[in-house]
């Protein structure tokens, strides 16, 4: 269990570092998902573009304060 948990944490940290290098921002995560946004695109734009590449993420239009973010 601890070995698997450590691997998930390491993967999440590498993933978040790669997102930051691409300009994404958002809170740090201790969950099995990250909540990220990009200053150049709306959350809806990002979700639609990723869907075209068969990458599924969650986008929430409401409440407005989280509209820019994706649950990845």
N, C-alpha and C. Protein backbone atom coordinates (compact mmCIF):
# COMPACT_ATOMS: atom_id res chain seq x y z
N UNK A 1 0.83 -1.19 0.00
CA UNK A 1 0.00 0.00 0.00
C UNK A 1 0.87 1.26 0.00
N UNK A 2 1.86 1.30 0.89
CA UNK A 2 2.71 2.50 0.98
C UNK A 2 3.56 2.68 -0.27
N UNK A 3 4.01 1.58 -0.85
CA UNK A 3 4.80 1.67 -2.07
C UNK A 3 3.95 2.24 -3.21
N UNK A 4 2.72 1.75 -3.33
CA UNK A 4 1.82 2.25 -4.38
C UNK A 4 1.48 3.72 -4.15
N UNK A 5 1.23 4.08 -2.89
CA UNK A 5 0.92 5.48 -2.56
C UNK A 5 2.10 6.38 -2.92
N UNK A 6 3.29 5.96 -2.60
CA UNK A 6 4.49 6.75 -2.92
C UNK A 6 4.63 6.95 -4.43
N UNK A 7 4.31 5.92 -5.21
CA UNK A 7 4.40 6.04 -6.67
C UNK A 7 3.37 7.02 -7.21
N UNK A 8 2.16 6.98 -6.67
CA UNK A 8 1.11 7.91 -7.10
C UNK A 8 1.52 9.34 -6.78
N UNK A 9 2.05 9.57 -5.60
CA UNK A 9 2.49 10.91 -5.19
C UNK A 9 3.61 11.40 -6.11
N UNK A 10 4.59 10.55 -6.39
CA UNK A 10 5.70 10.94 -7.26
C UNK A 10 5.21 11.26 -8.67
N UNK A 11 4.29 10.46 -9.18
CA UNK A 11 3.74 10.72 -10.51
C UNK A 11 3.00 12.04 -10.54
N UNK A 12 2.17 12.30 -9.53
CA UNK A 12 1.42 13.56 -9.46
C UNK A 12 2.37 14.74 -9.41
N UNK A 13 3.44 14.66 -8.63
CA UNK A 13 4.39 15.77 -8.54
C UNK A 13 5.11 16.02 -9.86
N UNK A 14 5.51 14.96 -10.55
CA UNK A 14 6.14 15.12 -11.88
C UNK A 14 5.16 15.75 -12.86
N UNK A 15 3.93 15.29 -12.82
CA UNK A 15 2.89 15.82 -13.71
C UNK A 15 2.67 17.29 -13.45
N UNK A 16 2.55 17.69 -12.19
CA UNK A 16 2.33 19.10 -11.86
C UNK A 16 3.52 19.96 -12.28
N UNK A 17 4.72 19.44 -12.15
CA UNK A 17 5.91 20.19 -12.58
C UNK A 17 5.88 20.42 -14.09
N UNK A 18 5.48 19.41 -14.84
CA UNK A 18 5.39 19.56 -16.30
C UNK A 18 4.30 20.57 -16.67
N UNK A 19 3.17 20.53 -15.96
CA UNK A 19 2.12 21.51 -16.23
C UNK A 19 2.61 22.92 -15.95
N UNK A 20 3.33 23.12 -14.85
CA UNK A 20 3.86 24.46 -14.52
C UNK A 20 4.80 24.95 -15.60
N UNK A 21 5.62 24.07 -16.15
CA UNK A 21 6.55 24.46 -17.22
C UNK A 21 5.80 24.89 -18.48
N UNK A 22 4.56 24.42 -18.64
CA UNK A 22 3.74 24.82 -19.78
C UNK A 22 2.90 26.04 -19.46
N UNK A 23 3.04 26.60 -18.27
CA UNK A 23 2.33 27.82 -17.92
C UNK A 23 1.08 27.63 -17.08
N UNK A 24 0.75 26.41 -16.73
CA UNK A 24 -0.43 26.17 -15.90
C UNK A 24 -0.18 26.62 -14.47
N UNK A 25 -1.25 26.91 -13.78
CA UNK A 25 -1.17 27.29 -12.37
C UNK A 25 -2.37 26.73 -11.63
N UNK A 26 -2.25 26.61 -10.35
CA UNK A 26 -3.36 26.14 -9.53
C UNK A 26 -2.84 25.68 -8.18
N UNK A 27 -3.74 25.28 -7.33
CA UNK A 27 -3.32 24.86 -5.99
C UNK A 27 -2.56 23.54 -6.04
N UNK A 28 -1.73 23.31 -5.04
CA UNK A 28 -1.09 22.01 -4.93
C UNK A 28 -2.16 20.99 -4.58
N UNK A 29 -1.90 19.76 -4.89
CA UNK A 29 -2.91 18.72 -4.69
C UNK A 29 -2.36 17.60 -3.83
N UNK A 30 -3.22 17.08 -3.00
CA UNK A 30 -2.91 15.87 -2.26
C UNK A 30 -3.95 14.80 -2.58
N UNK A 31 -4.66 15.00 -3.67
CA UNK A 31 -5.72 14.09 -4.10
C UNK A 31 -5.24 13.29 -5.32
N UNK A 32 -6.13 12.52 -5.89
CA UNK A 32 -5.79 11.75 -7.09
C UNK A 32 -6.08 12.54 -8.36
N UNK A 33 -6.20 13.85 -8.24
CA UNK A 33 -6.39 14.73 -9.39
C UNK A 33 -5.71 16.06 -9.09
N UNK A 34 -5.53 16.86 -10.15
CA UNK A 34 -5.00 18.22 -9.99
C UNK A 34 -6.03 19.19 -10.55
N UNK A 35 -6.04 20.39 -10.03
CA UNK A 35 -6.98 21.43 -10.42
C UNK A 35 -6.14 22.56 -10.99
N UNK A 36 -6.11 22.71 -12.32
CA UNK A 36 -5.18 23.61 -12.97
C UNK A 36 -5.87 24.48 -14.01
N UNK A 37 -5.27 25.65 -14.26
CA UNK A 37 -5.74 26.59 -15.28
C UNK A 37 -4.54 27.11 -16.05
N UNK A 38 -4.81 27.71 -17.20
CA UNK A 38 -3.76 28.32 -18.01
C UNK A 38 -4.19 29.75 -18.31
N UNK A 39 -3.29 30.72 -18.17
CA UNK A 39 -3.69 32.12 -18.37
C UNK A 39 -4.10 32.48 -19.79
N UNK A 40 -3.70 31.70 -20.77
CA UNK A 40 -3.99 32.04 -22.17
C UNK A 40 -5.30 31.43 -22.69
N UNK A 41 -5.91 30.53 -21.91
CA UNK A 41 -7.10 29.82 -22.40
C UNK A 41 -8.15 29.72 -21.31
N UNK A 42 -9.40 29.69 -21.71
CA UNK A 42 -10.47 29.43 -20.74
C UNK A 42 -10.51 27.94 -20.47
N UNK A 43 -11.14 27.59 -19.37
CA UNK A 43 -11.30 26.17 -19.06
C UNK A 43 -12.08 25.43 -20.14
N UNK A 44 -13.10 26.09 -20.68
CA UNK A 44 -13.91 25.46 -21.73
C UNK A 44 -13.09 25.21 -22.99
N UNK A 45 -12.25 26.19 -23.37
CA UNK A 45 -11.39 26.01 -24.55
C UNK A 45 -10.44 24.84 -24.36
N UNK A 46 -9.81 24.78 -23.20
CA UNK A 46 -8.87 23.70 -22.93
C UNK A 46 -9.56 22.35 -22.94
N UNK A 47 -10.72 22.25 -22.28
CA UNK A 47 -11.45 20.99 -22.23
C UNK A 47 -11.83 20.53 -23.64
N UNK A 48 -12.30 21.46 -24.47
CA UNK A 48 -12.70 21.10 -25.84
C UNK A 48 -11.50 20.65 -26.67
N UNK A 49 -10.39 21.35 -26.56
CA UNK A 49 -9.19 20.98 -27.32
C UNK A 49 -8.65 19.62 -26.86
N UNK A 50 -8.66 19.38 -25.58
CA UNK A 50 -8.19 18.09 -25.07
C UNK A 50 -9.12 16.96 -25.49
N UNK A 51 -10.42 17.22 -25.50
CA UNK A 51 -11.38 16.20 -25.93
C UNK A 51 -11.11 15.80 -27.39
N UNK A 52 -10.72 16.77 -28.23
CA UNK A 52 -10.39 16.46 -29.63
C UNK A 52 -9.21 15.49 -29.73
N UNK A 53 -8.38 15.49 -28.69
CA UNK A 53 -7.22 14.59 -28.64
C UNK A 53 -7.52 13.33 -27.81
N UNK A 54 -8.79 13.11 -27.51
CA UNK A 54 -9.25 11.97 -26.70
C UNK A 54 -8.70 11.99 -25.28
N UNK A 55 -8.47 13.19 -24.75
CA UNK A 55 -8.04 13.36 -23.37
C UNK A 55 -9.22 13.94 -22.61
N UNK A 56 -9.73 13.19 -21.65
CA UNK A 56 -10.92 13.61 -20.93
C UNK A 56 -10.56 14.25 -19.61
N UNK A 57 -11.08 15.44 -19.40
CA UNK A 57 -10.89 16.20 -18.16
C UNK A 57 -12.27 16.72 -17.75
N UNK A 58 -12.38 17.19 -16.52
CA UNK A 58 -13.64 17.78 -16.07
C UNK A 58 -13.51 19.29 -16.09
N UNK A 59 -14.51 19.94 -16.64
CA UNK A 59 -14.58 21.39 -16.62
C UNK A 59 -15.90 21.79 -15.98
N UNK A 60 -15.86 22.77 -15.09
CA UNK A 60 -17.05 23.25 -14.41
C UNK A 60 -17.26 24.72 -14.76
N UNK A 61 -18.37 25.04 -15.41
CA UNK A 61 -18.66 26.42 -15.77
C UNK A 61 -19.15 27.23 -14.57
N UNK A 62 -19.68 26.56 -13.59
CA UNK A 62 -20.20 27.21 -12.37
C UNK A 62 -19.62 26.54 -11.16
N UNK A 63 -19.33 27.25 -10.12
CA UNK A 63 -19.39 28.69 -9.99
C UNK A 63 -18.31 29.36 -10.83
N UNK A 64 -18.54 30.61 -11.17
CA UNK A 64 -17.65 31.32 -12.09
C UNK A 64 -16.19 31.36 -11.64
N UNK A 65 -15.95 31.36 -10.34
CA UNK A 65 -14.57 31.47 -9.86
C UNK A 65 -13.71 30.26 -10.24
N UNK A 66 -14.33 29.13 -10.57
CA UNK A 66 -13.54 27.97 -10.98
C UNK A 66 -13.65 27.69 -12.48
N UNK A 67 -14.31 28.55 -13.23
CA UNK A 67 -14.47 28.35 -14.68
C UNK A 67 -13.15 28.18 -15.41
N UNK A 68 -12.07 28.90 -15.03
CA UNK A 68 -10.82 28.73 -15.77
C UNK A 68 -10.13 27.39 -15.54
N UNK A 69 -10.53 26.66 -14.52
CA UNK A 69 -9.80 25.47 -14.09
C UNK A 69 -10.34 24.19 -14.71
N UNK A 70 -9.44 23.22 -14.78
CA UNK A 70 -9.78 21.86 -15.18
C UNK A 70 -9.45 20.92 -14.04
N UNK A 71 -10.28 19.92 -13.86
CA UNK A 71 -9.98 18.84 -12.93
C UNK A 71 -9.35 17.75 -13.78
N UNK A 72 -8.07 17.55 -13.58
CA UNK A 72 -7.30 16.61 -14.42
C UNK A 72 -6.91 15.40 -13.57
